[in-house]
Amino acid sequence: MHGPCIFSCITLIGTVSITEDGDGRITGLYLPSSNLPCMEDRETDILSEAAGQLNEYFSGKRRSFDLPLSYQRSEFRTAVLESLMRIPYGEVRTYAQVAEDVGSPRAFRAVGTACAENPIPIIIPCHRVVPSSGGVGNYAGGSSLKRRLIDFERGNL
């Protein structure tokens, strides 16, 4: 295998870039407003598959992703990311509900931090987590993008 690499693709929300670890696992998704890491720009089979699945998602044909992922996180943050992947398409959960789901009901702020540091947004759908107080909350790509993603999914049910 080669080393880590990055590949960019045009989507409904603009150009996103996807990274992989060189062993066929997705390690990052960078939204249009993100600073990109320095690595070899090369299309690999898994990056091409990820780009295809993203385009299927944005065309309304895909509701979940089937990709090998790699994220080096603490046990708690890994549990949060896995909980996010169980939130059904078109639905939202509160930070408190995710905290409850991972067995730490008082850790809703830590859930917010884990969402903010999600290395693979959209594929790991942190946009589906909202504050208990209402609104959509913050998002790496901006709260307006988060609202667009939530509305997009609800409109495709």
C-alpha atoms as a PDB file:
ATOM      1  CA  MET A   1       0.000   0.000   0.000  1.00  0.00           C
ATOM      2  CA  HIS A   2       0.926   3.629  -0.364  1.00  0.00           C
ATOM      3  CA  GLY A   3       0.994   6.237   2.359  1.00  0.00           C
ATOM      4  CA  PRO A   4      -1.899   8.459   3.427  1.00  0.00           C
ATOM      5  CA  CYS A   5      -3.553  10.393   0.635  1.00  0.00           C
ATOM      6  CA  ILE A   6      -6.306  12.890  -0.077  1.00  0.00           C
ATOM      7  CA  PHE A   7      -8.865  13.159  -2.862  1.00  0.00           C
ATOM      8  CA  SER A   8     -11.308  15.990  -3.587  1.00  0.00           C
ATOM      9  CA  CYS A   9     -14.724  15.726  -5.161  1.00  0.00           C
ATOM     10  CA  ILE A  10     -17.472  18.162  -6.055  1.00  0.00           C
ATOM     11  CA  THR A  11     -20.736  17.632  -4.158  1.00  0.00           C
ATOM     12  CA  LEU A  12     -24.026  19.423  -3.656  1.00  0.00           C
ATOM     13  CA  ILE A  13     -22.416  21.456  -0.828  1.00  0.00           C
ATOM     14  CA  GLY A  14     -19.223  22.280  -2.729  1.00  0.00           C
ATOM     15  CA  THR A  15     -15.833  20.618  -2.940  1.00  0.00           C
ATOM     16  CA  VAL A  16     -15.140  18.185  -0.128  1.00  0.00           C
ATOM     17  CA  SER A  17     -11.896  16.335   0.409  1.00  0.00           C
ATOM     18  CA  ILE A  18     -11.575  12.826   1.780  1.00  0.00           C
ATOM     19  CA  THR A  19      -8.462  11.273   3.303  1.00  0.00           C
ATOM     20  CA  GLU A  20      -7.399   7.690   3.779  1.00  0.00           C
ATOM     21  CA  ASP A  21      -4.652   6.076   5.797  1.00  0.00           C
ATOM     22  CA  GLY A  22      -2.896   4.159   3.016  1.00  0.00           C
ATOM     23  CA  ASP A  23      -4.390   0.875   4.230  1.00  0.00           C
ATOM     24  CA  GLY A  24      -7.840   1.417   2.740  1.00  0.00           C
ATOM     25  CA  ARG A  25      -9.593   3.164   5.650  1.00  0.00           C
ATOM     26  CA  ILE A  26     -11.192   6.604   5.522  1.00  0.00           C
ATOM     27  CA  THR A  27      -9.630   8.945   8.104  1.00  0.00           C
ATOM     28  CA  GLY A  28     -11.154  12.328   7.331  1.00  0.00           C
ATOM     29  CA  LEU A  29     -13.720  14.328   5.445  1.00  0.00           C
ATOM     30  CA  TYR A  30     -13.014  18.012   4.987  1.00  0.00           C
ATOM     31  CA  LEU A  31     -15.947  20.314   4.313  1.00  0.00           C
ATOM     32  CA  PRO A  32     -15.605  23.193   1.796  1.00  0.00           C
ATOM     33  CA  SER A  33     -14.484  25.665   4.475  1.00  0.00           C
ATOM     34  CA  SER A  34     -11.807  23.390   5.975  1.00  0.00           C
ATOM     35  CA  ASN A  35      -8.039  23.702   5.883  1.00  0.00           C
ATOM     36  CA  LEU A  36      -6.683  20.660   4.097  1.00  0.00           C
ATOM     37  CA  PRO A  37      -3.792  18.571   5.397  1.00  0.00           C
ATOM     38  CA  CYS A  38      -0.669  18.204   3.297  1.00  0.00           C
ATOM     39  CA  MET A  39      -0.583  14.757   1.762  1.00  0.00           C
ATOM     40  CA  GLU A  40      -0.398  13.117  -1.626  1.00  0.00           C
ATOM     41  CA  ASP A  41      -3.384  14.007  -3.817  1.00  0.00           C
ATOM     42  CA  ARG A  42      -4.288  10.670  -5.366  1.00  0.00           C
ATOM     43  CA  GLU A  43      -7.482   8.782  -6.105  1.00  0.00           C
ATOM     44  CA  THR A  44      -7.486   5.304  -4.581  1.00  0.00           C
ATOM     45  CA  ASP A  45     -10.201   2.658  -4.761  1.00  0.00           C
ATOM     46  CA  ILE A  46     -11.520   3.513  -1.289  1.00  0.00           C
ATOM     47  CA  LEU A  47     -11.435   7.268  -1.907  1.00  0.00           C
ATOM     48  CA  SER A  48     -13.287   6.763  -5.191  1.00  0.00           C
ATOM     49  CA  GLU A  49     -15.847   4.595  -3.383  1.00  0.00           C
ATOM     50  CA  ALA A  50     -16.253   7.208  -0.643  1.00  0.00           C
ATOM     51  CA  ALA A  51     -16.745   9.970  -3.240  1.00  0.00           C
ATOM     52  CA  GLY A  52     -19.334   7.814  -5.006  1.00  0.00           C
ATOM     53  CA  GLN A  53     -21.198   7.144  -1.772  1.00  0.00           C
ATOM     54  CA  LEU A  54     -21.167  10.868  -0.934  1.00  0.00           C
ATOM     55  CA  ASN A  55     -22.660  11.703  -4.312  1.00  0.00           C
ATOM     56  CA  GLU A  56     -25.316   9.005  -3.793  1.00  0.00           C
ATOM     57  CA  TYR A  57     -26.092  10.561  -0.399  1.00  0.00           C
ATOM     58  CA  PHE A  58     -26.439  14.042  -1.913  1.00  0.00           C
ATOM     59  CA  SER A  59     -28.650  12.725  -4.721  1.00  0.00           C
ATOM     60  CA  GLY A  60     -30.994  11.204  -2.107  1.00  0.00           C
ATOM     61  CA  LYS A  61     -30.172   7.591  -3.076  1.00  0.00           C
ATOM     62  CA  ARG A  62     -28.077   6.707   0.017  1.00  0.00           C
ATOM     63  CA  ARG A  63     -29.079   7.016   3.665  1.00  0.00           C
ATOM     64  CA  SER A  64     -26.050   5.438   5.337  1.00  0.00           C
ATOM     65  CA  PHE A  65     -22.445   4.826   4.417  1.00  0.00           C
ATOM     66  CA  ASP A  66     -20.662   1.516   4.091  1.00  0.00           C
ATOM     67  CA  LEU A  67     -16.984   2.392   4.279  1.00  0.00           C
ATOM     68  CA  PRO A  68     -14.041   1.201   6.377  1.00  0.00           C
ATOM     69  CA  LEU A  69     -13.245   4.016   8.813  1.00  0.00           C
ATOM     70  CA  SER A  70     -10.274   4.761  11.022  1.00  0.00           C
ATOM     71  CA  TYR A  71     -10.385   7.300  13.823  1.00  0.00           C
ATOM     72  CA  GLN A  72      -7.989   7.374  16.729  1.00  0.00           C
ATOM     73  CA  ARG A  73     -10.095   8.586  19.642  1.00  0.00           C
ATOM     74  CA  SER A  74     -10.507   7.901  23.358  1.00  0.00           C
ATOM     75  CA  GLU A  75     -12.916   5.175  24.429  1.00  0.00           C
ATOM     76  CA  PHE A  76     -15.594   7.779  25.224  1.00  0.00           C
ATOM     77  CA  ARG A  77     -15.231   9.641  21.919  1.00  0.00           C
ATOM     78  CA  THR A  78     -15.231   6.379  19.982  1.00  0.00           C
ATOM     79  CA  ALA A  79     -18.494   5.445  21.747  1.00  0.00           C
ATOM     80  CA  VAL A  80     -19.953   8.829  20.788  1.00  0.00           C
ATOM     81  CA  LEU A  81     -18.966   8.449  17.112  1.00  0.00           C
ATOM     82  CA  GLU A  82     -20.469   4.949  17.045  1.00  0.00           C
ATOM     83  CA  SER A  83     -23.665   6.306  18.634  1.00  0.00           C
ATOM     84  CA  LEU A  84     -23.884   8.988  15.933  1.00  0.00           C
ATOM     85  CA  MET A  85     -23.771   6.324  13.233  1.00  0.00           C
ATOM     86  CA  ARG A  86     -26.876   4.717  14.788  1.00  0.00           C
ATOM     87  CA  ILE A  87     -28.995   7.886  14.456  1.00  0.00           C
ATOM     88  CA  PRO A  88     -31.422   7.141  11.620  1.00  0.00           C
ATOM     89  CA  TYR A  89     -31.339   9.209   8.446  1.00  0.00           C
ATOM     90  CA  GLY A  90     -33.670  12.200   8.687  1.00  0.00           C
ATOM     91  CA  GLU A  91     -33.820  12.132  12.498  1.00  0.00           C
ATOM     92  CA  VAL A  92     -32.010  14.139  15.143  1.00  0.00           C
ATOM     93  CA  ARG A  93     -30.935  13.445  18.705  1.00  0.00           C
ATOM     94  CA  THR A  94     -29.918  15.870  21.417  1.00  0.00           C
ATOM     95  CA  TYR A  95     -26.451  15.960  22.926  1.00  0.00           C
ATOM     96  CA  ALA A  96     -28.081  14.721  26.145  1.00  0.00           C
ATOM     97  CA  GLN A  97     -29.687  11.757  24.340  1.00  0.00           C
ATOM     98  CA  VAL A  98     -26.323  10.762  22.859  1.00  0.00           C
ATOM     99  CA  ALA A  99     -24.708  11.094  26.308  1.00  0.00           C
ATOM    100  CA  GLU A 100     -27.401   8.783  27.690  1.00  0.00           C
ATOM    101  CA  ASP A 101     -26.857   6.346  24.810  1.00  0.00           C
ATOM    102  CA  VAL A 102     -23.134   6.039  25.593  1.00  0.00           C
ATOM    103  CA  GLY A 103     -23.802   5.488  29.300  1.00  0.00           C
ATOM    104  CA  SER A 104     -22.666   8.916  30.517  1.00  0.00           C
ATOM    105  CA  PRO A 105     -25.904  10.896  30.947  1.00  0.00           C
ATOM    106  CA  ARG A 106     -24.209  13.959  32.439  1.00  0.00           C
ATOM    107  CA  ALA A 107     -21.545  14.192  29.726  1.00  0.00           C
ATOM    108  CA  PHE A 108     -23.605  16.128  27.170  1.00  0.00           C
ATOM    109  CA  ARG A 109     -20.919  18.842  26.912  1.00  0.00           C
ATOM    110  CA  ALA A 110     -18.281  16.183  26.238  1.00  0.00           C
ATOM    111  CA  VAL A 111     -20.582  14.787  23.547  1.00  0.00           C
ATOM    112  CA  GLY A 112     -20.610  18.278  22.001  1.00  0.00           C
ATOM    113  CA  THR A 113     -16.820  18.332  22.012  1.00  0.00           C
ATOM    114  CA  ALA A 114     -16.667  14.855  20.458  1.00  0.00           C
ATOM    115  CA  CYS A 115     -19.059  16.013  17.722  1.00  0.00           C
ATOM    116  CA  ALA A 116     -17.006  19.169  17.129  1.00  0.00           C
ATOM    117  CA  GLU A 117     -13.883  17.051  16.709  1.00  0.00           C
ATOM    118  CA  ASN A 118     -15.518  14.404  14.498  1.00  0.00           C
ATOM    119  CA  PRO A 119     -12.894  13.748  11.813  1.00  0.00           C
ATOM    120  CA  ILE A 120     -15.385  12.344   9.302  1.00  0.00           C
ATOM    121  CA  PRO A 121     -18.503  14.571   9.254  1.00  0.00           C
ATOM    122  CA  ILE A 122     -21.486  13.582   7.109  1.00  0.00           C
ATOM    123  CA  ILE A 123     -20.253   9.969   6.937  1.00  0.00           C
ATOM    124  CA  ILE A 124     -20.340   9.998  10.752  1.00  0.00           C
ATOM    125  CA  PRO A 125     -23.475  12.178  10.969  1.00  0.00           C
ATOM    126  CA  CYS A 126     -22.742  14.639  13.766  1.00  0.00           C
ATOM    127  CA  HIS A 127     -25.073  17.067  11.958  1.00  0.00           C
ATOM    128  CA  ARG A 128     -27.923  14.970  13.390  1.00  0.00           C
ATOM    129  CA  VAL A 129     -27.142  16.098  16.959  1.00  0.00           C
ATOM    130  CA  VAL A 130     -28.810  19.265  18.238  1.00  0.00           C
ATOM    131  CA  PRO A 131     -29.079  21.120  21.562  1.00  0.00           C
ATOM    132  CA  SER A 132     -31.944  20.310  23.943  1.00  0.00           C
ATOM    133  CA  SER A 133     -32.689  24.038  24.090  1.00  0.00           C
ATOM    134  CA  GLY A 134     -33.654  24.123  20.400  1.00  0.00           C
ATOM    135  CA  GLY A 135     -31.996  25.292  17.230  1.00  0.00           C
ATOM    136  CA  VAL A 136     -29.331  23.343  15.395  1.00  0.00           C
ATOM    137  CA  GLY A 137     -26.216  24.286  17.338  1.00  0.00           C
ATOM    138  CA  ASN A 138     -22.699  24.547  15.959  1.00  0.00           C
ATOM    139  CA  TYR A 139     -21.134  22.604  13.105  1.00  0.00           C
ATOM    140  CA  ALA A 140     -17.688  22.439  11.520  1.00  0.00           C
ATOM    141  CA  GLY A 141     -19.128  23.637   8.209  1.00  0.00           C
ATOM    142  CA  GLY A 142     -21.259  26.306   9.894  1.00  0.00           C
ATOM    143  CA  SER A 143     -24.712  26.174  11.421  1.00  0.00           C
ATOM    144  CA  SER A 144     -26.386  27.045   8.096  1.00  0.00           C
ATOM    145  CA  LEU A 145     -24.822  23.956   6.476  1.00  0.00           C
ATOM    146  CA  LYS A 146     -25.961  21.859   9.447  1.00  0.00           C
ATOM    147  CA  ARG A 147     -29.529  23.154   8.977  1.00  0.00           C
ATOM    148  CA  ARG A 148     -29.318  22.403   5.219  1.00  0.00           C
ATOM    149  CA  LEU A 149     -28.190  18.810   5.896  1.00  0.00           C
ATOM    150  CA  ILE A 150     -30.972  18.213   8.453  1.00  0.00           C
ATOM    151  CA  ASP A 151     -33.592  19.714   6.117  1.00  0.00           C
ATOM    152  CA  PHE A 152     -32.175  17.808   3.135  1.00  0.00           C
ATOM    153  CA  GLU A 153     -32.503  14.472   4.945  1.00  0.00           C
ATOM    154  CA  ARG A 154     -35.999  15.228   6.225  1.00  0.00           C
ATOM    155  CA  GLY A 155     -37.048  16.229   2.712  1.00  0.00           C
ATOM    156  CA  ASN A 156     -35.840  12.888   1.306  1.00  0.00           C
ATOM    157  CA  LEU A 157     -37.730  10.599   3.687  1.00  0.00           C
END
